[in-house]
C-alpha atoms as a PDB file:
ATOM      1  CA  UNK A   1      28.254 -31.997   7.092  1.00  0.00           C
ATOM      2  CA  UNK A   2      27.423 -28.632   4.697  1.00  0.00           C
ATOM      3  CA  UNK A   3      29.228 -30.554   2.127  1.00  0.00           C
ATOM      4  CA  UNK A   4      26.873 -33.640   2.417  1.00  0.00           C
ATOM      5  CA  UNK A   5      23.822 -31.495   2.178  1.00  0.00           C
ATOM      6  CA  UNK A   6      25.191 -29.712  -1.191  1.00  0.00           C
ATOM      7  CA  UNK A   7      26.079 -32.871  -2.715  1.00  0.00           C
ATOM      8  CA  UNK A   8      22.451 -34.135  -1.721  1.00  0.00           C
ATOM      9  CA  UNK A   9      20.782 -31.419  -3.371  1.00  0.00           C
ATOM     10  CA  UNK A  10      23.052 -31.729  -6.411  1.00  0.00           C
ATOM     11  CA  UNK A  11      21.479 -35.176  -6.792  1.00  0.00           C
ATOM     12  CA  UNK A  12      17.853 -34.129  -6.374  1.00  0.00           C
ATOM     13  CA  UNK A  13      17.112 -36.175  -3.090  1.00  0.00           C
ATOM     14  CA  UNK A  14      14.153 -34.129  -1.979  1.00  0.00           C
ATOM     15  CA  UNK A  15      11.092 -33.889  -4.100  1.00  0.00           C
ATOM     16  CA  UNK A  16      10.190 -30.663  -5.777  1.00  0.00           C
ATOM     17  CA  UNK A  17       7.403 -29.802  -3.129  1.00  0.00           C
ATOM     18  CA  UNK A  18       9.595 -30.687  -0.358  1.00  0.00           C
ATOM     19  CA  UNK A  19      11.323 -27.655   1.119  1.00  0.00           C
ATOM     20  CA  UNK A  20      12.326 -28.961   4.596  1.00  0.00           C
ATOM     21  CA  UNK A  21      16.029 -28.677   3.498  1.00  0.00           C
ATOM     22  CA  UNK A  22      15.830 -25.197   3.608  1.00  0.00           C
ATOM     23  CA  UNK A  23      15.247 -24.900   7.806  1.00  0.00           C
ATOM     24  CA  UNK A  24      18.374 -27.629   7.536  1.00  0.00           C
ATOM     25  CA  UNK A  25      20.593 -25.451   5.574  1.00  0.00           C
ATOM     26  CA  UNK A  26      19.655 -22.318   7.822  1.00  0.00           C
ATOM     27  CA  UNK A  27      20.420 -24.529  10.500  1.00  0.00           C
ATOM     28  CA  UNK A  28      23.922 -25.170   9.033  1.00  0.00           C
ATOM     29  CA  UNK A  29      24.438 -21.418   8.536  1.00  0.00           C
ATOM     30  CA  UNK A  30      23.805 -20.946  12.252  1.00  0.00           C
ATOM     31  CA  UNK A  31      26.448 -23.573  13.305  1.00  0.00           C
ATOM     32  CA  UNK A  32      29.116 -22.360  10.827  1.00  0.00           C
ATOM     33  CA  UNK A  33      28.683 -18.819  12.262  1.00  0.00           C
ATOM     34  CA  UNK A  34      29.020 -20.121  15.830  1.00  0.00           C
ATOM     35  CA  UNK A  35      31.892 -17.694  17.427  1.00  0.00           C
ATOM     36  CA  UNK A  36      31.856 -15.254  14.437  1.00  0.00           C
ATOM     37  CA  UNK A  37      28.435 -13.227  14.239  1.00  0.00           C
ATOM     38  CA  UNK A  38      28.183 -10.002  16.141  1.00  0.00           C
ATOM     39  CA  UNK A  39      25.721 -10.598  19.270  1.00  0.00           C
ATOM     40  CA  UNK A  40      25.873 -14.167  19.559  1.00  0.00           C
ATOM     41  CA  UNK A  41      27.785 -14.164  22.666  1.00  0.00           C
ATOM     42  CA  UNK A  42      30.562 -16.530  21.363  1.00  0.00           C
ATOM     43  CA  UNK A  43      32.676 -13.818  19.532  1.00  0.00           C
ATOM     44  CA  UNK A  44      36.517 -14.017  20.084  1.00  0.00           C
ATOM     45  CA  UNK A  45      36.755 -17.983  19.535  1.00  0.00           C
ATOM     46  CA  UNK A  46      39.151 -17.270  16.691  1.00  0.00           C
ATOM     47  CA  UNK A  47      39.957 -20.028  13.852  1.00  0.00           C
ATOM     48  CA  UNK A  48      43.002 -20.358  11.798  1.00  0.00           C
ATOM     49  CA  UNK A  49      42.755 -17.921   8.949  1.00  0.00           C
ATOM     50  CA  UNK A  50      42.484 -20.759   6.295  1.00  0.00           C
ATOM     51  CA  UNK A  51      39.849 -22.362   8.187  1.00  0.00           C
ATOM     52  CA  UNK A  52      37.942 -18.938   8.372  1.00  0.00           C
ATOM     53  CA  UNK A  53      38.289 -18.065   4.735  1.00  0.00           C
ATOM     54  CA  UNK A  54      36.828 -21.563   4.041  1.00  0.00           C
ATOM     55  CA  UNK A  55      33.959 -21.294   6.365  1.00  0.00           C
ATOM     56  CA  UNK A  56      32.899 -18.025   4.922  1.00  0.00           C
ATOM     57  CA  UNK A  57      32.981 -19.550   1.496  1.00  0.00           C
ATOM     58  CA  UNK A  58      30.774 -22.431   2.453  1.00  0.00           C
ATOM     59  CA  UNK A  59      28.311 -20.148   4.106  1.00  0.00           C
ATOM     60  CA  UNK A  60      27.873 -18.051   0.744  1.00  0.00           C
ATOM     61  CA  UNK A  61      27.294 -21.502  -1.048  1.00  0.00           C
ATOM     62  CA  UNK A  62      24.572 -22.357   1.664  1.00  0.00           C
ATOM     63  CA  UNK A  63      23.187 -18.821   1.386  1.00  0.00           C
ATOM     64  CA  UNK A  64      23.051 -19.223  -2.117  1.00  0.00           C
ATOM     65  CA  UNK A  65      20.933 -22.170  -2.348  1.00  0.00           C
ATOM     66  CA  UNK A  66      18.867 -21.122   0.569  1.00  0.00           C
ATOM     67  CA  UNK A  67      17.884 -17.721  -1.798  1.00  0.00           C
ATOM     68  CA  UNK A  68      16.819 -19.763  -4.847  1.00  0.00           C
ATOM     69  CA  UNK A  69      13.083 -19.245  -5.861  1.00  0.00           C
ATOM     70  CA  UNK A  70      13.143 -16.951  -2.659  1.00  0.00           C
ATOM     71  CA  UNK A  71      13.834 -13.025  -1.891  1.00  0.00           C
ATOM     72  CA  UNK A  72      15.339 -11.217   0.860  1.00  0.00           C
ATOM     73  CA  UNK A  73      12.642  -8.616   0.704  1.00  0.00           C
ATOM     74  CA  UNK A  74       9.144 -10.924   0.073  1.00  0.00           C
ATOM     75  CA  UNK A  75       6.566 -12.119   2.515  1.00  0.00           C
ATOM     76  CA  UNK A  76       6.703 -15.930   1.568  1.00  0.00           C
ATOM     77  CA  UNK A  77       7.759 -18.588   3.911  1.00  0.00           C
ATOM     78  CA  UNK A  78      10.965 -19.212   1.886  1.00  0.00           C
ATOM     79  CA  UNK A  79      11.451 -15.298   1.476  1.00  0.00           C
ATOM     80  CA  UNK A  80      11.205 -15.014   5.228  1.00  0.00           C
ATOM     81  CA  UNK A  81      13.471 -17.809   6.076  1.00  0.00           C
ATOM     82  CA  UNK A  82      16.164 -16.742   3.529  1.00  0.00           C
ATOM     83  CA  UNK A  83      15.948 -13.046   4.582  1.00  0.00           C
ATOM     84  CA  UNK A  84      16.423 -13.953   8.494  1.00  0.00           C
ATOM     85  CA  UNK A  85      19.623 -16.056   7.555  1.00  0.00           C
ATOM     86  CA  UNK A  86      20.773 -13.223   5.373  1.00  0.00           C
ATOM     87  CA  UNK A  87      20.566 -10.545   8.157  1.00  0.00           C
ATOM     88  CA  UNK A  88      22.410 -12.766  10.490  1.00  0.00           C
ATOM     89  CA  UNK A  89      25.030 -13.861   8.156  1.00  0.00           C
ATOM     90  CA  UNK A  90      25.360 -11.147   5.421  1.00  0.00           C
ATOM     91  CA  UNK A  91      28.714 -10.244   7.224  1.00  0.00           C
ATOM     92  CA  UNK A  92      30.010 -13.692   6.754  1.00  0.00           C
ATOM     93  CA  UNK A  93      29.119 -13.577   2.858  1.00  0.00           C
ATOM     94  CA  UNK A  94      30.264 -10.189   2.452  1.00  0.00           C
ATOM     95  CA  UNK A  95      33.991 -11.792   3.547  1.00  0.00           C
ATOM     96  CA  UNK A  96      33.861 -14.749   1.210  1.00  0.00           C
ATOM     97  CA  UNK A  97      35.780 -15.638  -1.615  1.00  0.00           C
ATOM     98  CA  UNK A  98      33.945 -18.083  -4.019  1.00  0.00           C
ATOM     99  CA  UNK A  99      37.130 -19.577  -5.061  1.00  0.00           C
ATOM    100  CA  UNK A 100      37.497 -20.989  -1.601  1.00  0.00           C
ATOM    101  CA  UNK A 101      34.471 -23.170  -2.410  1.00  0.00           C
ATOM    102  CA  UNK A 102      34.690 -23.996  -5.872  1.00  0.00           C
ATOM    103  CA  UNK A 103      34.675 -27.882  -4.775  1.00  0.00           C
ATOM    104  CA  UNK A 104      30.847 -27.269  -3.735  1.00  0.00           C
ATOM    105  CA  UNK A 105      29.831 -25.538  -6.790  1.00  0.00           C
ATOM    106  CA  UNK A 106      28.718 -28.879  -8.525  1.00  0.00           C
ATOM    107  CA  UNK A 107      26.887 -29.877 -11.891  1.00  0.00           C
ATOM    108  CA  UNK A 108      23.388 -30.914 -11.203  1.00  0.00           C
ATOM    109  CA  UNK A 109      22.984 -34.719 -11.349  1.00  0.00           C
ATOM    110  CA  UNK A 110      19.650 -34.567 -12.365  1.00  0.00           C
ATOM    111  CA  UNK A 111      17.495 -32.191 -14.113  1.00  0.00           C
ATOM    112  CA  UNK A 112      15.926 -29.412 -11.746  1.00  0.00           C
ATOM    113  CA  UNK A 113      18.611 -30.414  -8.922  1.00  0.00           C
ATOM    114  CA  UNK A 114      19.492 -27.713  -6.408  1.00  0.00           C
ATOM    115  CA  UNK A 115      23.309 -26.461  -7.152  1.00  0.00           C
ATOM    116  CA  UNK A 116      24.839 -23.326  -6.664  1.00  0.00           C
ATOM    117  CA  UNK A 117      26.845 -21.728  -9.728  1.00  0.00           C
ATOM    118  CA  UNK A 118      29.947 -19.850  -9.867  1.00  0.00           C
ATOM    119  CA  UNK A 119      28.110 -16.539 -11.025  1.00  0.00           C
ATOM    120  CA  UNK A 120      25.207 -17.218  -8.519  1.00  0.00           C
ATOM    121  CA  UNK A 121      27.624 -17.179  -5.589  1.00  0.00           C
ATOM    122  CA  UNK A 122      29.748 -14.317  -6.902  1.00  0.00           C
ATOM    123  CA  UNK A 123      26.818 -12.147  -7.488  1.00  0.00           C
ATOM    124  CA  UNK A 124      25.440 -13.013  -3.897  1.00  0.00           C
ATOM    125  CA  UNK A 125      29.056 -11.860  -2.338  1.00  0.00           C
ATOM    126  CA  UNK A 126      28.821  -8.902  -4.459  1.00  0.00           C
ATOM    127  CA  UNK A 127      25.262  -8.067  -3.029  1.00  0.00           C
ATOM    128  CA  UNK A 128      26.513  -8.551   0.697  1.00  0.00           C
ATOM    129  CA  UNK A 129      29.504  -5.884  -0.148  1.00  0.00           C
ATOM    130  CA  UNK A 130      26.745  -3.373  -0.974  1.00  0.00           C
ATOM    131  CA  UNK A 131      26.685  -0.804   1.322  1.00  0.00           C
ATOM    132  CA  UNK A 132      23.278   0.552   0.281  1.00  0.00           C
ATOM    133  CA  UNK A 133      19.812  -0.033   2.281  1.00  0.00           C
ATOM    134  CA  UNK A 134      18.042  -0.765  -1.178  1.00  0.00           C
ATOM    135  CA  UNK A 135      20.338  -3.353  -2.358  1.00  0.00           C
ATOM    136  CA  UNK A 136      18.422  -6.369  -1.432  1.00  0.00           C
ATOM    137  CA  UNK A 137      14.962  -4.736  -2.897  1.00  0.00           C
ATOM    138  CA  UNK A 138      17.077  -3.820  -6.327  1.00  0.00           C
ATOM    139  CA  UNK A 139      18.553  -7.123  -6.597  1.00  0.00           C
ATOM    140  CA  UNK A 140      14.813  -8.388  -6.228  1.00  0.00           C
ATOM    141  CA  UNK A 141      13.216  -6.139  -8.864  1.00  0.00           C
ATOM    142  CA  UNK A 142      16.345  -6.687 -11.045  1.00  0.00           C
ATOM    143  CA  UNK A 143      15.805 -10.678 -10.720  1.00  0.00           C
ATOM    144  CA  UNK A 144      12.245 -10.016 -12.189  1.00  0.00           C
ATOM    145  CA  UNK A 145      14.074  -8.791 -15.312  1.00  0.00           C
ATOM    146  CA  UNK A 146      13.458  -4.851 -14.454  1.00  0.00           C
ATOM    147  CA  UNK A 147      16.019  -2.133 -14.594  1.00  0.00           C
ATOM    148  CA  UNK A 148      15.855   0.005 -11.280  1.00  0.00           C
ATOM    149  CA  UNK A 149      17.471   3.408 -10.755  1.00  0.00           C
ATOM    150  CA  UNK A 150      16.750   6.316  -8.717  1.00  0.00           C
ATOM    151  CA  UNK A 151      16.678  10.085 -10.440  1.00  0.00           C
ATOM    152  CA  UNK A 152      16.545  13.035  -8.132  1.00  0.00           C
ATOM    153  CA  UNK A 153      13.893  11.586  -5.641  1.00  0.00           C
ATOM    154  CA  UNK A 154      12.154   9.448  -8.169  1.00  0.00           C
ATOM    155  CA  UNK A 155      12.533   5.744  -8.374  1.00  0.00           C
ATOM    156  CA  UNK A 156      12.232   4.616 -12.046  1.00  0.00           C
ATOM    157  CA  UNK A 157      11.668   0.954 -12.722  1.00  0.00           C
ATOM    158  CA  UNK A 158      11.695  -0.182 -16.392  1.00  0.00           C
ATOM    159  CA  UNK A 159      10.940  -3.301 -18.355  1.00  0.00           C
ATOM    160  CA  UNK A 160       9.174  -5.115 -20.844  1.00  0.00           C
ATOM    161  CA  UNK A 161       5.742  -5.575 -18.755  1.00  0.00           C
ATOM    162  CA  UNK A 162       2.284  -4.959 -20.083  1.00  0.00           C
ATOM    163  CA  UNK A 163       0.518  -3.704 -16.985  1.00  0.00           C
ATOM    164  CA  UNK A 164       2.668  -1.315 -15.033  1.00  0.00           C
ATOM    165  CA  UNK A 165       0.299  -1.122 -11.937  1.00  0.00           C
ATOM    166  CA  UNK A 166       1.199  -4.203 -10.018  1.00  0.00           C
ATOM    167  CA  UNK A 167       4.963  -3.312 -10.946  1.00  0.00           C
ATOM    168  CA  UNK A 168       4.837   0.047  -9.368  1.00  0.00           C
ATOM    169  CA  UNK A 169       2.978  -1.264  -6.328  1.00  0.00           C
ATOM    170  CA  UNK A 170       5.600  -3.887  -5.543  1.00  0.00           C
ATOM    171  CA  UNK A 171       8.417  -1.428  -5.906  1.00  0.00           C
ATOM    172  CA  UNK A 172       6.952   1.174  -3.604  1.00  0.00           C
ATOM    173  CA  UNK A 173       6.182  -1.433  -1.173  1.00  0.00           C
ATOM    174  CA  UNK A 174       9.742  -2.851  -1.368  1.00  0.00           C
ATOM    175  CA  UNK A 175      11.756   0.464  -1.895  1.00  0.00           C
ATOM    176  CA  UNK A 176       9.472   2.305   0.564  1.00  0.00           C
ATOM    177  CA  UNK A 177      10.887   0.285   3.708  1.00  0.00           C
ATOM    178  CA  UNK A 178      13.879   2.464   3.657  1.00  0.00           C
ATOM    179  CA  UNK A 179      11.828   5.681   3.038  1.00  0.00           C
ATOM    180  CA  UNK A 180      10.037   6.795   6.398  1.00  0.00           C
ATOM    181  CA  UNK A 181       9.029   9.907   4.888  1.00  0.00           C
ATOM    182  CA  UNK A 182       7.434   8.336   1.767  1.00  0.00           C
ATOM    183  CA  UNK A 183       8.816   7.086  -1.586  1.00  0.00           C
ATOM    184  CA  UNK A 184       8.015   8.056  -5.122  1.00  0.00           C
ATOM    185  CA  UNK A 185       8.252   5.303  -8.094  1.00  0.00           C
ATOM    186  CA  UNK A 186       7.312   5.192 -11.740  1.00  0.00           C
ATOM    187  CA  UNK A 187       7.061   1.875 -13.406  1.00  0.00           C
ATOM    188  CA  UNK A 188       7.403   2.021 -17.329  1.00  0.00           C
ATOM    189  CA  UNK A 189       6.576  -1.034 -19.260  1.00  0.00           C
ATOM    190  CA  UNK A 190       6.144  -1.456 -22.986  1.00  0.00           C
ATOM    191  CA  UNK A 191       3.339   1.062 -23.762  1.00  0.00           C
ATOM    192  CA  UNK A 192       2.062   2.543 -20.573  1.00  0.00           C
ATOM    193  CA  UNK A 193       3.431   3.651 -17.208  1.00  0.00           C
ATOM    194  CA  UNK A 194       2.473   4.383 -13.738  1.00  0.00           C
ATOM    195  CA  UNK A 195       3.612   6.398 -10.804  1.00  0.00           C
ATOM    196  CA  UNK A 196       2.868   5.751  -7.022  1.00  0.00           C
ATOM    197  CA  UNK A 197       3.578   7.810  -3.911  1.00  0.00           C
ATOM    198  CA  UNK A 198       3.574   5.571  -0.745  1.00  0.00           C
ATOM    199  CA  UNK A 199       3.920   6.630   2.685  1.00  0.00           C
ATOM    200  CA  UNK A 200       2.230   5.337   6.046  1.00  0.00           C
ATOM    201  CA  UNK A 201      -1.241   3.794   4.860  1.00  0.00           C
ATOM    202  CA  UNK A 202      -1.511   6.054   1.965  1.00  0.00           C
ATOM    203  CA  UNK A 203      -0.804   5.185  -1.779  1.00  0.00           C
ATOM    204  CA  UNK A 204      -1.321   7.930  -4.518  1.00  0.00           C
ATOM    205  CA  UNK A 205      -1.626   6.385  -8.037  1.00  0.00           C
ATOM    206  CA  UNK A 206      -1.371   7.849 -11.369  1.00  0.00           C
ATOM    207  CA  UNK A 207      -2.026   5.240 -14.122  1.00  0.00           C
ATOM    208  CA  UNK A 208      -1.218   6.875 -17.750  1.00  0.00           C
ATOM    209  CA  UNK A 209      -3.232   7.431 -20.066  1.00  0.00           C
ATOM    210  CA  UNK A 210      -5.534   8.770 -17.241  1.00  0.00           C
ATOM    211  CA  UNK A 211      -4.946  12.112 -15.812  1.00  0.00           C
ATOM    212  CA  UNK A 212      -6.158  11.720 -12.420  1.00  0.00           C
ATOM    213  CA  UNK A 213      -4.978  10.790  -9.195  1.00  0.00           C
ATOM    214  CA  UNK A 214      -6.545   7.879  -7.158  1.00  0.00           C
ATOM    215  CA  UNK A 215      -5.822   7.809  -3.308  1.00  0.00           C
ATOM    216  CA  UNK A 216      -5.896   4.525  -1.662  1.00  0.00           C
ATOM    217  CA  UNK A 217      -5.708   3.343   1.999  1.00  0.00           C
ATOM    218  CA  UNK A 218      -3.824   0.287   2.659  1.00  0.00           C
ATOM    219  CA  UNK A 219      -3.488  -1.021   6.031  1.00  0.00           C
ATOM    220  CA  UNK A 220      -1.571  -4.054   7.208  1.00  0.00           C
ATOM    221  CA  UNK A 221      -1.701  -6.827   6.698  1.00  0.00           C
ATOM    222  CA  UNK A 222      -2.277  -5.698   3.277  1.00  0.00           C
ATOM    223  CA  UNK A 223       0.262  -4.219   1.308  1.00  0.00           C
ATOM    224  CA  UNK A 224       0.789  -2.401  -1.816  1.00  0.00           C
ATOM    225  CA  UNK A 225       1.879  -5.583  -3.620  1.00  0.00           C
ATOM    226  CA  UNK A 226      -0.981  -7.639  -2.326  1.00  0.00           C
ATOM    227  CA  UNK A 227      -3.544  -4.775  -2.880  1.00  0.00           C
ATOM    228  CA  UNK A 228      -2.938  -4.063  -6.325  1.00  0.00           C
ATOM    229  CA  UNK A 229      -1.381  -7.633  -7.615  1.00  0.00           C
ATOM    230  CA  UNK A 230      -4.202  -8.272 -10.167  1.00  0.00           C
ATOM    231  CA  UNK A 231      -3.497  -4.923 -11.988  1.00  0.00           C
ATOM    232  CA  UNK A 232      -7.485  -4.320 -12.471  1.00  0.00           C
ATOM    233  CA  UNK A 233      -7.877  -1.137 -10.632  1.00  0.00           C
ATOM    234  CA  UNK A 234     -11.721  -1.673 -10.737  1.00  0.00           C
ATOM    235  CA  UNK A 235     -11.403  -4.423  -8.156  1.00  0.00           C
ATOM    236  CA  UNK A 236      -9.020  -2.788  -5.701  1.00  0.00           C
ATOM    237  CA  UNK A 237     -10.615  -1.980  -2.657  1.00  0.00           C
ATOM    238  CA  UNK A 238      -9.659   0.941  -0.299  1.00  0.00           C
ATOM    239  CA  UNK A 239     -10.166   3.759  -2.796  1.00  0.00           C
ATOM    240  CA  UNK A 240     -10.675   6.948  -0.781  1.00  0.00           C
ATOM    241  CA  UNK A 241     -13.141   9.571  -2.482  1.00  0.00           C
ATOM    242  CA  UNK A 242     -12.988  10.348  -6.390  1.00  0.00           C
ATOM    243  CA  UNK A 243     -10.329  10.442  -8.531  1.00  0.00           C
ATOM    244  CA  UNK A 244      -8.907  14.033  -8.824  1.00  0.00           C
ATOM    245  CA  UNK A 245      -7.462  15.685 -11.799  1.00  0.00           C
ATOM    246  CA  UNK A 246      -4.115  16.686 -12.181  1.00  0.00           C
ATOM    247  CA  UNK A 247      -5.161  20.331 -12.524  1.00  0.00           C
ATOM    248  CA  UNK A 248      -6.376  20.074  -8.721  1.00  0.00           C
ATOM    249  CA  UNK A 249      -3.058  19.965  -7.517  1.00  0.00           C
ATOM    250  CA  UNK A 250      -1.604  17.061  -5.407  1.00  0.00           C
ATOM    251  CA  UNK A 251      -3.588  15.067  -2.838  1.00  0.00           C
ATOM    252  CA  UNK A 252      -2.398  15.900   0.630  1.00  0.00           C
ATOM    253  CA  UNK A 253      -0.388  12.420   0.982  1.00  0.00           C
ATOM    254  CA  UNK A 254       1.384  13.345  -2.196  1.00  0.00           C
ATOM    255  CA  UNK A 255       2.034  17.173  -0.842  1.00  0.00           C
ATOM    256  CA  UNK A 256       3.512  15.380   2.027  1.00  0.00           C
ATOM    257  CA  UNK A 257       5.943  12.925   0.302  1.00  0.00           C
ATOM    258  CA  UNK A 258       6.824  15.684  -2.563  1.00  0.00           C
ATOM    259  CA  UNK A 259       8.070  17.760   0.455  1.00  0.00           C
ATOM    260  CA  UNK A 260      10.071  15.257   1.925  1.00  0.00           C
ATOM    261  CA  UNK A 261      11.554  14.645  -1.376  1.00  0.00           C
ATOM    262  CA  UNK A 262      12.208  18.239  -2.044  1.00  0.00           C
ATOM    263  CA  UNK A 263      10.100  18.435  -5.067  1.00  0.00           C
ATOM    264  CA  UNK A 264       7.319  20.751  -6.155  1.00  0.00           C
ATOM    265  CA  UNK A 265       4.309  19.457  -7.979  1.00  0.00           C
ATOM    266  CA  UNK A 266       4.697  21.467 -11.172  1.00  0.00           C
ATOM    267  CA  UNK A 267       8.284  19.736 -11.121  1.00  0.00           C
ATOM    268  CA  UNK A 268       6.874  16.539 -10.799  1.00  0.00           C
ATOM    269  CA  UNK A 269       4.218  16.662 -13.384  1.00  0.00           C
ATOM    270  CA  UNK A 270       6.913  18.181 -15.678  1.00  0.00           C
ATOM    271  CA  UNK A 271       9.089  15.287 -15.194  1.00  0.00           C
ATOM    272  CA  UNK A 272       6.234  12.550 -15.563  1.00  0.00           C
ATOM    273  CA  UNK A 273       4.843  13.919 -18.987  1.00  0.00           C
ATOM    274  CA  UNK A 274       7.931  15.634 -20.441  1.00  0.00           C
ATOM    275  CA  UNK A 275       8.570  12.690 -23.146  1.00  0.00           C
ATOM    276  CA  UNK A 276       4.468  12.306 -23.489  1.00  0.00           C
ATOM    277  CA  UNK A 277       3.066  13.518 -26.535  1.00  0.00           C
END
């Protein structure tokens, strides 16, 4: 059945705006995992090793298709479905050998058809093997064309974007999910950078070349990504008080995140501006 669905997607049977196949693929993943997944109540029903290797590889191909035009960290309908399947079946994907399902990596029969390429499957298996809670967030940001690194408590996101505000907000939103004490992120584009400290419902923003802290309250269901998506700070609600100059010291929320990261305020300022003329 999985092979049939993969062939139908390659033949572009579904219209571009018809994503009903996503639920079907999610169900097929559940069926493949029957008796394998931790906590599903059926563990212990062992299949022959050859069958198991094939099942894992088929699951990797299905998960690759399900993750196309979706992320494992976003909040959209396709994102949520893909993330749920990923959490349930990541252990299978990590075991997969793409060569066991090479026959399912089909060439597209029509333009815009859904197919899983060898490189996509291989990359997904590598992601599943990662023992890093940030791996999915880094993968999402990297797919957007940005470089993501962590340097002594500060995440650095670099790319060719013009306005760094939406980028730093998105990165803080994603990476902050794994930092209960808050996260520090700088996004550096072609000519400008922006820095954000995000913890709880407070986001502290420094948007160069301005040299003043802006404090925002961002409460659910809003997120840093949704609040700052437009990039125009004059239109962003939730500003708390007036912007405060750098010489006034860190806002309280920033001071808390710095303490959690083991950084002093002078060290932060030095690192943010050391390469700025």
